[in-house]
Amino acid sequence: KCTTEYEQKCHQEYEQVCNTVNEVKVDYVTKEKCALQTEEQCHNTPEKKCHDVQKPVTKYREEQECHTKYDKECHTTYEQSCKTVHEKQCKTVTEKECTHVDGREKCWDEPREKCWDEPRQQCEQVPKENCKQVPRQDCKTKSVPYTEYTT
């Protein structure tokens, strides 16, 4: 874009100015007396001034927007769990029985069942689920407008 502006420019010019001077003498003689006189001469000079006009231009840049998300992550482990259980154990044993009949001892083998509690360890694998929150970055790219000026 251009505009016309006026700027005042001055310079000095020399001009010879002459006056008629009368001097009194016995004879009257007319003489011309001259002197240099300085006079400032000014005039307006048009000058073209140009300025760049900038036009706005919208451009886009990519920006990443991220935030942390948590995912649940689980795995199963097995632990051994044991307890003492009592089982009834029985066994047939032969015991000798004797009686006295007519002064004589009569003996025989008598089977009998003998029982008792037998302690033993009973173990099993018990599943146990272990879970934890695992962080991960969740990012999205978006276009963001911005203005740039060009000539």
Protein backbone atom coordinates (compact mmCIF):
# COMPACT_ATOMS: atom_id res chain seq x y z
CA LYS A 1 0.00 0.00 0.00
CA CYS A 2 1.47 3.35 -0.96
CA THR A 3 0.55 6.88 0.13
CA THR A 4 1.89 10.23 -0.93
CA GLU A 5 3.28 12.32 1.88
CA TYR A 6 4.67 15.81 1.67
CA GLU A 7 7.91 16.72 3.30
CA GLN A 8 9.19 20.27 3.48
CA LYS A 9 12.73 20.60 2.11
CA CYS A 10 14.73 23.77 2.38
CA HIS A 11 18.03 25.03 0.96
CA GLN A 12 19.86 28.30 0.98
CA GLU A 13 20.08 30.43 -2.12
CA TYR A 14 22.22 33.47 -2.61
CA GLU A 15 20.79 36.43 -4.42
CA GLN A 16 22.46 39.70 -5.22
CA VAL A 17 20.41 42.65 -4.01
CA CYS A 18 21.37 46.10 -5.17
CA ASN A 19 20.25 49.45 -3.74
CA THR A 20 20.83 52.92 -4.98
CA VAL A 21 22.65 54.99 -2.40
CA ASN A 22 23.16 58.72 -2.57
CA GLU A 23 26.31 60.08 -0.98
CA VAL A 24 26.89 63.69 -0.32
CA LYS A 25 30.10 64.92 -1.96
CA VAL A 26 31.05 68.14 -3.44
CA ASP A 27 29.72 66.63 -6.56
CA TYR A 28 26.69 64.60 -6.51
CA VAL A 29 27.60 61.20 -7.89
CA THR A 30 25.10 58.50 -8.03
CA LYS A 31 26.61 55.11 -7.20
CA GLU A 32 25.11 51.71 -7.10
CA LYS A 33 26.00 49.71 -3.96
CA CYS A 34 25.54 45.93 -4.05
CA ALA A 35 25.63 43.32 -1.34
CA LEU A 36 24.99 39.56 -1.21
CA GLN A 37 21.91 38.67 0.78
CA THR A 38 21.08 35.13 1.97
CA GLU A 39 17.49 34.04 1.60
CA GLU A 40 16.05 30.68 2.51
CA GLN A 41 13.95 29.14 -0.23
CA CYS A 42 11.49 26.40 0.78
CA HIS A 43 9.10 24.29 -1.21
CA ASN A 44 7.08 21.11 -0.63
CA THR A 45 8.45 18.03 -2.32
CA PRO A 46 6.09 15.09 -2.79
CA GLU A 47 7.67 11.85 -1.68
CA LYS A 48 6.12 8.42 -2.20
CA LYS A 49 6.17 6.35 1.01
CA CYS A 50 5.29 2.68 0.77
CA HIS A 51 4.44 0.33 3.61
CA ASP A 52 4.04 -3.41 3.44
CA VAL A 53 0.50 -4.44 4.22
CA GLN A 54 0.44 -7.75 6.06
CA LYS A 55 -2.40 -10.13 5.46
CA PRO A 56 -3.40 -12.60 8.20
CA VAL A 57 -3.19 -16.25 7.15
CA THR A 58 -4.61 -19.02 9.33
CA LYS A 59 -2.35 -22.06 9.53
CA TYR A 60 -2.57 -25.26 11.58
CA ARG A 61 -0.06 -27.12 13.68
CA GLU A 62 -0.37 -30.58 15.19
CA GLU A 63 -0.39 -30.82 18.99
CA GLN A 64 -0.50 -33.93 21.13
CA GLU A 65 -2.75 -34.06 24.15
CA CYS A 66 -1.97 -36.89 26.58
CA HIS A 67 -3.40 -38.14 29.84
CA THR A 68 -2.73 -41.19 31.98
CA LYS A 69 -5.20 -44.06 31.95
CA TYR A 70 -5.04 -47.06 34.27
CA ASP A 71 -5.67 -50.60 33.11
CA LYS A 72 -6.43 -53.42 35.54
CA GLU A 73 -3.95 -56.25 35.10
CA CYS A 74 -4.51 -59.52 36.95
CA HIS A 75 -2.74 -62.86 37.24
CA THR A 76 -3.49 -65.96 39.27
CA THR A 77 -1.07 -67.52 41.70
CA TYR A 78 -1.56 -70.70 43.72
CA GLU A 79 -0.83 -71.07 47.39
CA GLN A 80 -0.67 -74.34 49.23
CA SER A 81 -3.14 -74.57 52.09
CA CYS A 82 -2.78 -77.46 54.52
CA LYS A 83 -4.85 -78.63 57.47
CA THR A 84 -4.67 -81.52 59.85
CA VAL A 85 -7.51 -84.00 59.55
CA HIS A 86 -8.18 -86.95 61.84
CA GLU A 87 -9.21 -90.20 60.29
CA LYS A 88 -10.52 -93.11 62.26
CA GLN A 89 -8.29 -96.07 61.71
CA CYS A 90 -9.42 -99.54 62.70
CA LYS A 91 -7.62 -102.86 62.79
CA THR A 92 -8.66 -106.33 63.74
CA VAL A 93 -6.35 -107.74 66.31
CA THR A 94 -6.38 -111.15 67.88
CA GLU A 95 -6.30 -111.22 71.62
CA LYS A 96 -5.90 -114.33 73.69
CA GLU A 97 -8.89 -115.00 75.91
CA CYS A 98 -8.65 -117.49 78.73
CA THR A 99 -11.14 -118.89 81.20
CA HIS A 100 -10.87 -121.41 84.01
CA VAL A 101 -13.18 -124.32 83.81
CA ASP A 102 -12.88 -127.17 86.36
CA GLY A 103 -9.53 -125.92 87.46
CA ARG A 104 -8.18 -125.96 84.05
CA GLU A 105 -7.38 -122.97 81.96
CA LYS A 106 -8.89 -122.90 78.57
CA CYS A 107 -7.52 -120.24 76.08
CA TRP A 108 -8.44 -119.25 72.56
CA ASP A 109 -7.77 -116.44 70.11
CA GLU A 110 -10.50 -113.80 70.08
CA PRO A 111 -10.59 -111.34 67.15
CA ARG A 112 -11.30 -107.76 68.21
CA GLU A 113 -11.47 -104.45 66.35
CA LYS A 114 -9.24 -101.71 67.69
CA CYS A 115 -9.83 -98.12 66.47
CA TRP A 116 -7.95 -94.85 66.95
CA ASP A 117 -7.81 -91.30 65.38
CA GLU A 118 -4.94 -90.99 62.96
CA PRO A 119 -3.89 -87.36 62.25
CA ARG A 120 -2.66 -86.54 58.76
CA GLN A 121 -1.94 -83.42 56.68
CA GLN A 122 -4.36 -82.66 53.89
CA CYS A 123 -3.08 -80.02 51.41
CA GLU A 124 -4.57 -78.34 48.37
CA GLN A 125 -3.58 -75.61 45.92
CA VAL A 126 -5.78 -72.53 46.45
CA PRO A 127 -5.96 -70.03 43.56
CA LYS A 128 -5.37 -66.38 44.45
CA GLU A 129 -5.96 -63.54 41.98
CA ASN A 130 -3.47 -60.66 42.16
CA CYS A 131 -4.53 -57.42 40.43
CA LYS A 132 -2.83 -54.05 40.04
CA GLN A 133 -3.49 -50.82 38.19
CA VAL A 134 -1.00 -50.33 35.34
CA PRO A 135 -0.61 -46.73 34.04
CA ARG A 136 -0.44 -46.04 30.31
CA GLN A 137 -0.36 -42.86 28.26
CA ASP A 138 -3.41 -42.17 26.12
CA CYS A 139 -2.55 -39.52 23.50
CA LYS A 140 -4.61 -37.79 20.85
CA THR A 141 -3.31 -35.53 18.09
CA LYS A 142 -5.33 -32.46 17.22
CA SER A 143 -4.93 -29.57 14.78
CA VAL A 144 -4.63 -26.19 16.45
CA PRO A 145 -5.16 -23.02 14.35
CA TYR A 146 -2.75 -20.08 14.58
CA THR A 147 -2.42 -16.82 12.61
CA GLU A 148 0.66 -15.85 10.64
CA TYR A 149 1.06 -12.55 8.79
CA THR A 150 2.43 -12.43 5.25
CA THR A 151 3.09 -9.56 2.83
